[in-house]
Amino acid sequence: HPPTNPKAHTRMVFLCDIDAYARSGTATVEACEKKGDNTWAVTLRDDSTSPFYPEGGGQPADRGTLGGLAVTDVQRSKNKLVHIVSGGALEVGASVEAVLDWERRWDHMQCHTAQHAVSACAQRELGAATVSWELLSETVAVTLEL
């Protein structure tokens, strides 16, 4: 059911929610603000055109390129995706290609699915609920409550 107060919660829709296997998308730059020496925070007019998944819930942010620039991080902020890029600024209003590092995403998808399987088995066999999980560079950590 939708919330009674539509401003109370707005669900963010990502391209990966629509198509988990999308590897790229074309997007329009809404804003580009300098963050550091060589980094900029980029928002897009429509987040559903971005194939990038932001950091959250124990899962690291996707990587790839946006307008040919390296995407080094993706975060949620005020119901928008913020793509952190390095190597230059993007022009507001420009149409840019967003390209996902598919090998990394595929690895994350497999680990995420495995975490759900491990958590289900731990719950069923041990009565142990999953408290949290974290996808690290080489391993997956699952914290169970026994």
Protein backbone atom coordinates (compact mmCIF):
# COMPACT_ATOMS: atom_id res chain seq x y z
CA HIS A 1 0.00 0.00 0.00
CA PRO A 2 1.24 3.53 -0.72
CA PRO A 3 2.08 5.67 2.32
CA THR A 4 -0.72 7.91 3.58
CA ASN A 5 1.65 10.87 3.40
CA PRO A 6 3.37 10.70 0.00
CA LYS A 7 6.15 13.01 1.22
CA ALA A 8 6.90 10.67 4.17
CA HIS A 9 8.64 8.10 1.98
CA THR A 10 9.69 8.19 -1.64
CA ARG A 11 11.07 4.93 -2.98
CA MET A 12 14.10 5.37 -5.16
CA VAL A 13 13.92 3.39 -8.39
CA PHE A 14 17.19 2.34 -9.97
CA LEU A 15 17.73 0.86 -13.41
CA CYS A 16 18.93 -2.33 -11.66
CA ASP A 17 15.47 -2.58 -10.01
CA ILE A 18 13.92 -2.58 -13.47
CA ASP A 19 16.59 -4.76 -15.14
CA ALA A 20 19.23 -6.39 -12.90
CA TYR A 21 21.27 -7.27 -15.98
CA ALA A 22 21.44 -3.74 -17.43
CA ARG A 23 25.07 -2.86 -18.04
CA SER A 24 24.64 0.70 -19.30
CA GLY A 25 22.20 3.54 -19.73
CA THR A 26 21.98 7.01 -21.19
CA ALA A 27 21.36 9.79 -18.70
CA THR A 28 21.12 13.58 -18.50
CA VAL A 29 23.36 15.41 -16.03
CA GLU A 30 21.29 17.42 -13.55
CA ALA A 31 24.13 18.82 -11.42
CA CYS A 32 27.91 18.52 -11.13
CA GLU A 33 29.62 19.92 -8.04
CA LYS A 34 33.33 19.85 -7.24
CA LYS A 35 34.03 17.68 -4.18
CA GLY A 36 37.81 17.48 -3.97
CA ASP A 37 40.98 17.99 -5.94
CA ASN A 38 39.92 15.70 -8.74
CA THR A 39 36.42 14.54 -7.79
CA TRP A 40 32.92 15.76 -8.60
CA ALA A 41 29.48 14.81 -7.28
CA VAL A 42 27.10 14.21 -10.20
CA THR A 43 23.33 13.81 -10.03
CA LEU A 44 21.16 12.78 -12.95
CA ARG A 45 17.71 14.03 -13.91
CA ASP A 46 16.24 10.53 -13.71
CA ASP A 47 17.90 7.98 -11.41
CA SER A 48 16.12 5.13 -13.21
CA THR A 49 18.51 5.71 -16.15
CA SER A 50 21.59 4.94 -14.03
CA PRO A 51 22.75 1.31 -13.89
CA PHE A 52 24.73 2.07 -10.71
CA TYR A 53 23.64 0.69 -7.35
CA PRO A 54 24.62 2.86 -4.36
CA GLU A 55 26.40 1.65 -1.25
CA GLY A 56 23.98 0.34 1.33
CA GLY A 57 22.79 -2.62 3.32
CA GLY A 58 26.27 -4.12 3.50
CA GLN A 59 26.77 -3.93 -0.25
CA PRO A 60 29.46 -1.65 -1.72
CA ALA A 61 28.61 0.81 -4.47
CA ASP A 62 28.99 -0.12 -8.11
CA ARG A 63 31.88 1.21 -10.20
CA GLY A 64 32.21 2.04 -13.88
CA THR A 65 32.15 5.19 -15.99
CA LEU A 66 29.82 8.14 -16.46
CA GLY A 67 30.41 10.25 -19.53
CA GLY A 68 33.81 8.54 -19.87
CA LEU A 69 34.87 9.51 -16.33
CA ALA A 70 35.60 6.94 -13.63
CA VAL A 71 32.77 6.41 -11.12
CA THR A 72 34.55 5.81 -7.81
CA ASP A 73 31.53 5.82 -5.48
CA VAL A 74 27.74 6.04 -5.56
CA GLN A 75 25.68 7.21 -2.55
CA ARG A 76 22.06 8.07 -1.74
CA SER A 77 21.34 11.64 -0.71
CA LYS A 78 17.90 13.21 -0.33
CA ASN A 79 16.25 10.57 -2.54
CA LYS A 80 18.83 11.04 -5.31
CA LEU A 81 21.79 9.01 -6.47
CA VAL A 82 25.08 10.87 -6.18
CA HIS A 83 27.76 9.53 -8.52
CA ILE A 84 31.29 10.47 -7.45
CA VAL A 85 33.46 10.80 -10.55
CA SER A 86 37.13 11.54 -11.00
CA GLY A 87 39.08 13.03 -13.87
CA GLY A 88 36.90 16.02 -14.75
CA ALA A 89 33.52 17.68 -14.57
CA LEU A 90 30.44 16.85 -16.60
CA GLU A 91 28.37 19.57 -18.24
CA VAL A 92 24.93 20.15 -16.74
CA GLY A 93 22.29 19.17 -19.31
CA ALA A 94 24.67 16.88 -21.19
CA SER A 95 23.52 13.44 -22.27
CA VAL A 96 26.07 10.91 -20.99
CA GLU A 97 26.58 7.18 -21.19
CA ALA A 98 26.64 5.37 -17.83
CA VAL A 99 28.60 2.10 -18.09
CA LEU A 100 28.77 -0.39 -15.26
CA ASP A 101 31.82 -2.45 -14.28
CA TRP A 102 29.86 -5.61 -15.04
CA GLU A 103 32.42 -8.12 -13.75
CA ARG A 104 32.33 -6.45 -10.31
CA ARG A 105 28.50 -6.20 -10.31
CA TRP A 106 28.14 -9.86 -11.34
CA ASP A 107 30.41 -10.89 -8.46
CA HIS A 108 28.34 -8.81 -6.04
CA MET A 109 25.07 -10.29 -7.35
CA GLN A 110 26.35 -13.83 -6.80
CA CYS A 111 27.61 -13.02 -3.30
CA HIS A 112 24.32 -11.33 -2.40
CA THR A 113 22.33 -14.38 -3.53
CA ALA A 114 24.68 -16.69 -1.60
CA GLN A 115 24.22 -14.56 1.54
CA HIS A 116 20.46 -15.04 1.32
CA ALA A 117 20.91 -18.82 0.98
CA VAL A 118 23.30 -18.98 3.96
CA SER A 119 20.98 -16.80 6.06
CA ALA A 120 17.96 -18.97 5.22
CA CYS A 121 19.83 -22.15 6.17
CA ALA A 122 21.12 -20.62 9.42
CA GLN A 123 17.59 -19.53 10.31
CA ARG A 124 16.01 -22.88 9.43
CA GLU A 125 18.69 -25.19 10.90
CA LEU A 126 19.98 -23.15 13.86
CA GLY A 127 17.22 -20.64 14.54
CA ALA A 128 19.88 -18.00 13.99
CA ALA A 129 18.70 -14.71 12.56
CA THR A 130 20.96 -12.64 10.33
CA VAL A 131 21.86 -9.42 12.14
CA SER A 132 23.95 -7.95 9.32
CA TRP A 133 26.09 -8.82 6.35
CA GLU A 134 28.94 -7.11 4.56
CA LEU A 135 30.38 -7.71 1.13
CA LEU A 136 34.14 -7.21 1.37
CA SER A 137 36.68 -7.24 -1.45
CA GLU A 138 37.52 -10.94 -1.08
CA THR A 139 34.93 -12.31 1.36
CA VAL A 140 31.37 -11.99 2.60
CA ALA A 141 30.81 -11.54 6.35
CA VAL A 142 27.46 -12.64 7.82
CA THR A 143 26.68 -11.85 11.45
CA LEU A 144 24.18 -14.24 13.04
CA GLU A 145 22.29 -13.97 16.31
CA LEU A 146 22.35 -17.35 18.04
